[in-house]
Amino acid sequence: MSRNLKELSDDLKDYIIVQQSDAHNKANLRKERYNNLKLSMDIVRNSSPHVVISIGMSEAEFNIRSGDKTNGGLGPDEKYVYRWLGKPDSLTDLNDCWKEMAREHGRG
């Protein structure tokens, strides 16, 4: 069963924190920065499959078919987002969320 956007947000948050928890970054790691990490999809505003990822004041939109960024930027956290999108189930689960939203809006 695929995960919902909240579960995917939590997974991305945990992934970034683990990636930054190595000995080199440990002193500079600010876990609280990721408490407001959010994934969203606006099927009405943008009909192409996408996810908007917000971290702090930064925001970027990614194509969930290819994993490519289409708008915005996340600064140094962007590399972790790309790695997370490259995990085996991340894009699949995001696409499942998109399809469910499309069904709910009568577009799928």
C-alpha atoms as a PDB file:
ATOM      1  CA  MET A   1       0.000   0.000   0.000  1.00  0.00           C
ATOM      2  CA  SER A   2       1.337   3.425  -0.898  1.00  0.00           C
ATOM      3  CA  ARG A   3       1.917   6.167   1.632  1.00  0.00           C
ATOM      4  CA  ASN A   4       0.058   9.478   1.885  1.00  0.00           C
ATOM      5  CA  LEU A   5       1.694  12.915   1.657  1.00  0.00           C
ATOM      6  CA  LYS A   6       2.041  13.242   5.444  1.00  0.00           C
ATOM      7  CA  GLU A   7       3.843   9.900   5.671  1.00  0.00           C
ATOM      8  CA  LEU A   8       6.062  10.871   2.737  1.00  0.00           C
ATOM      9  CA  SER A   9       6.845  14.220   4.405  1.00  0.00           C
ATOM     10  CA  ASP A  10       7.881  12.405   7.569  1.00  0.00           C
ATOM     11  CA  ASP A  11       9.995   9.980   5.532  1.00  0.00           C
ATOM     12  CA  LEU A  12      11.788  12.828   3.734  1.00  0.00           C
ATOM     13  CA  LYS A  13      12.372  14.660   7.021  1.00  0.00           C
ATOM     14  CA  ASP A  14      13.853  11.530   8.625  1.00  0.00           C
ATOM     15  CA  TYR A  15      15.957  10.843   5.526  1.00  0.00           C
ATOM     16  CA  ILE A  16      17.490  14.341   5.525  1.00  0.00           C
ATOM     17  CA  ILE A  17      18.261  14.190   9.240  1.00  0.00           C
ATOM     18  CA  VAL A  18      19.951  10.787   8.917  1.00  0.00           C
ATOM     19  CA  GLN A  19      21.973  11.968   5.911  1.00  0.00           C
ATOM     20  CA  GLN A  20      23.183  15.004   7.864  1.00  0.00           C
ATOM     21  CA  SER A  21      23.954  13.063  11.042  1.00  0.00           C
ATOM     22  CA  ASP A  22      27.403  11.945   9.961  1.00  0.00           C
ATOM     23  CA  ALA A  23      30.371  13.003  12.069  1.00  0.00           C
ATOM     24  CA  HIS A  24      31.229  15.880   9.719  1.00  0.00           C
ATOM     25  CA  ASN A  25      27.830  17.612   9.965  1.00  0.00           C
ATOM     26  CA  LYS A  26      26.712  16.545  13.449  1.00  0.00           C
ATOM     27  CA  ALA A  27      27.695  19.794  15.200  1.00  0.00           C
ATOM     28  CA  ASN A  28      25.816  21.920  12.650  1.00  0.00           C
ATOM     29  CA  LEU A  29      22.685  19.771  12.409  1.00  0.00           C
ATOM     30  CA  ARG A  30      19.512  21.686  13.321  1.00  0.00           C
ATOM     31  CA  LYS A  31      16.751  19.073  13.379  1.00  0.00           C
ATOM     32  CA  GLU A  32      14.101  21.645  14.273  1.00  0.00           C
ATOM     33  CA  ARG A  33      14.602  23.236  10.839  1.00  0.00           C
ATOM     34  CA  TYR A  34      12.787  20.252   9.344  1.00  0.00           C
ATOM     35  CA  ASN A  35       9.773  20.303  11.675  1.00  0.00           C
ATOM     36  CA  ASN A  36       7.867  22.338   9.095  1.00  0.00           C
ATOM     37  CA  LEU A  37       8.919  20.291   6.056  1.00  0.00           C
ATOM     38  CA  LYS A  38       5.841  19.904   3.881  1.00  0.00           C
ATOM     39  CA  LEU A  39       4.889  18.114   0.675  1.00  0.00           C
ATOM     40  CA  SER A  40       1.886  19.335  -1.282  1.00  0.00           C
ATOM     41  CA  MET A  41       0.208  18.897  -4.641  1.00  0.00           C
ATOM     42  CA  ASP A  42      -2.179  21.383  -6.247  1.00  0.00           C
ATOM     43  CA  ILE A  43      -3.936  19.507  -9.021  1.00  0.00           C
ATOM     44  CA  VAL A  44      -6.204  22.476  -9.778  1.00  0.00           C
ATOM     45  CA  ARG A  45      -3.418  25.030 -10.259  1.00  0.00           C
ATOM     46  CA  ASN A  46      -1.014  22.714 -12.074  1.00  0.00           C
ATOM     47  CA  SER A  47      -2.390  19.711 -13.931  1.00  0.00           C
ATOM     48  CA  SER A  48       0.979  18.049 -14.579  1.00  0.00           C
ATOM     49  CA  PRO A  49       2.054  15.492 -11.941  1.00  0.00           C
ATOM     50  CA  HIS A  50       4.188  17.375  -9.426  1.00  0.00           C
ATOM     51  CA  VAL A  51       5.031  17.744  -5.766  1.00  0.00           C
ATOM     52  CA  VAL A  52       5.905  20.998  -4.013  1.00  0.00           C
ATOM     53  CA  ILE A  53       8.435  20.562  -1.222  1.00  0.00           C
ATOM     54  CA  SER A  54       8.733  23.329   1.372  1.00  0.00           C
ATOM     55  CA  ILE A  55      11.549  23.490   3.904  1.00  0.00           C
ATOM     56  CA  GLY A  56      11.669  26.608   6.027  1.00  0.00           C
ATOM     57  CA  MET A  57      11.251  29.564   3.693  1.00  0.00           C
ATOM     58  CA  SER A  58      12.481  27.617   0.658  1.00  0.00           C
ATOM     59  CA  GLU A  59      10.189  25.880  -1.794  1.00  0.00           C
ATOM     60  CA  ALA A  60      10.696  23.871  -4.966  1.00  0.00           C
ATOM     61  CA  GLU A  61       8.444  21.988  -7.345  1.00  0.00           C
ATOM     62  CA  PHE A  62       9.463  18.613  -8.770  1.00  0.00           C
ATOM     63  CA  ASN A  63       8.051  16.577 -11.634  1.00  0.00           C
ATOM     64  CA  ILE A  64       7.052  13.259 -10.069  1.00  0.00           C
ATOM     65  CA  ARG A  65       7.426  11.295 -13.282  1.00  0.00           C
ATOM     66  CA  SER A  66      11.078  12.202 -13.807  1.00  0.00           C
ATOM     67  CA  GLY A  67      12.180  13.546 -10.410  1.00  0.00           C
ATOM     68  CA  ASP A  68      13.436  16.758 -12.071  1.00  0.00           C
ATOM     69  CA  LYS A  69      13.037  20.159 -10.450  1.00  0.00           C
ATOM     70  CA  THR A  70      10.703  22.418 -12.439  1.00  0.00           C
ATOM     71  CA  ASN A  71      10.608  25.531 -10.262  1.00  0.00           C
ATOM     72  CA  GLY A  72      12.110  27.105  -7.139  1.00  0.00           C
ATOM     73  CA  GLY A  73      14.995  25.942  -4.993  1.00  0.00           C
ATOM     74  CA  LEU A  74      15.821  24.397  -1.630  1.00  0.00           C
ATOM     75  CA  GLY A  75      19.399  25.544  -1.197  1.00  0.00           C
ATOM     76  CA  PRO A  76      21.772  22.989   0.328  1.00  0.00           C
ATOM     77  CA  ASP A  77      18.885  20.631   1.217  1.00  0.00           C
ATOM     78  CA  GLU A  78      18.119  20.090  -2.466  1.00  0.00           C
ATOM     79  CA  LYS A  79      20.805  17.407  -2.832  1.00  0.00           C
ATOM     80  CA  TYR A  80      19.118  15.350  -0.110  1.00  0.00           C
ATOM     81  CA  VAL A  81      15.729  15.757  -1.775  1.00  0.00           C
ATOM     82  CA  TYR A  82      17.146  14.475  -5.070  1.00  0.00           C
ATOM     83  CA  ARG A  83      18.630  11.458  -3.265  1.00  0.00           C
ATOM     84  CA  TRP A  84      15.293  10.792  -1.542  1.00  0.00           C
ATOM     85  CA  LEU A  85      13.439  11.065  -4.855  1.00  0.00           C
ATOM     86  CA  GLY A  86      15.901   8.505  -6.226  1.00  0.00           C
ATOM     87  CA  LYS A  87      14.947   5.925  -3.593  1.00  0.00           C
ATOM     88  CA  PRO A  88      12.984   2.996  -5.072  1.00  0.00           C
ATOM     89  CA  ASP A  89       9.522   3.837  -3.678  1.00  0.00           C
ATOM     90  CA  SER A  90       9.519   7.630  -3.356  1.00  0.00           C
ATOM     91  CA  LEU A  91       8.406   8.566  -6.889  1.00  0.00           C
ATOM     92  CA  THR A  92       6.040   5.578  -7.041  1.00  0.00           C
ATOM     93  CA  ASP A  93       4.316   6.657  -3.826  1.00  0.00           C
ATOM     94  CA  LEU A  94       4.165  10.285  -4.992  1.00  0.00           C
ATOM     95  CA  ASN A  95       2.588   9.167  -8.273  1.00  0.00           C
ATOM     96  CA  ASP A  96       0.041   7.110  -6.318  1.00  0.00           C
ATOM     97  CA  CYS A  97      -0.823  10.199  -4.247  1.00  0.00           C
ATOM     98  CA  TRP A  98      -1.233  12.186  -7.469  1.00  0.00           C
ATOM     99  CA  LYS A  99      -3.551   9.565  -8.968  1.00  0.00           C
ATOM    100  CA  GLU A 100      -5.668   9.509  -5.805  1.00  0.00           C
ATOM    101  CA  MET A 101      -5.980  13.307  -5.865  1.00  0.00           C
ATOM    102  CA  ALA A 102      -6.910  13.175  -9.557  1.00  0.00           C
ATOM    103  CA  ARG A 103      -9.641  10.606  -8.798  1.00  0.00           C
ATOM    104  CA  GLU A 104     -10.976  12.790  -5.968  1.00  0.00           C
ATOM    105  CA  HIS A 105     -11.157  15.778  -8.327  1.00  0.00           C
ATOM    106  CA  GLY A 106     -12.726  13.771 -11.150  1.00  0.00           C
ATOM    107  CA  ARG A 107      -9.646  14.009 -13.347  1.00  0.00           C
ATOM    108  CA  GLY A 108      -8.410  10.471 -13.242  1.00  0.00           C
END
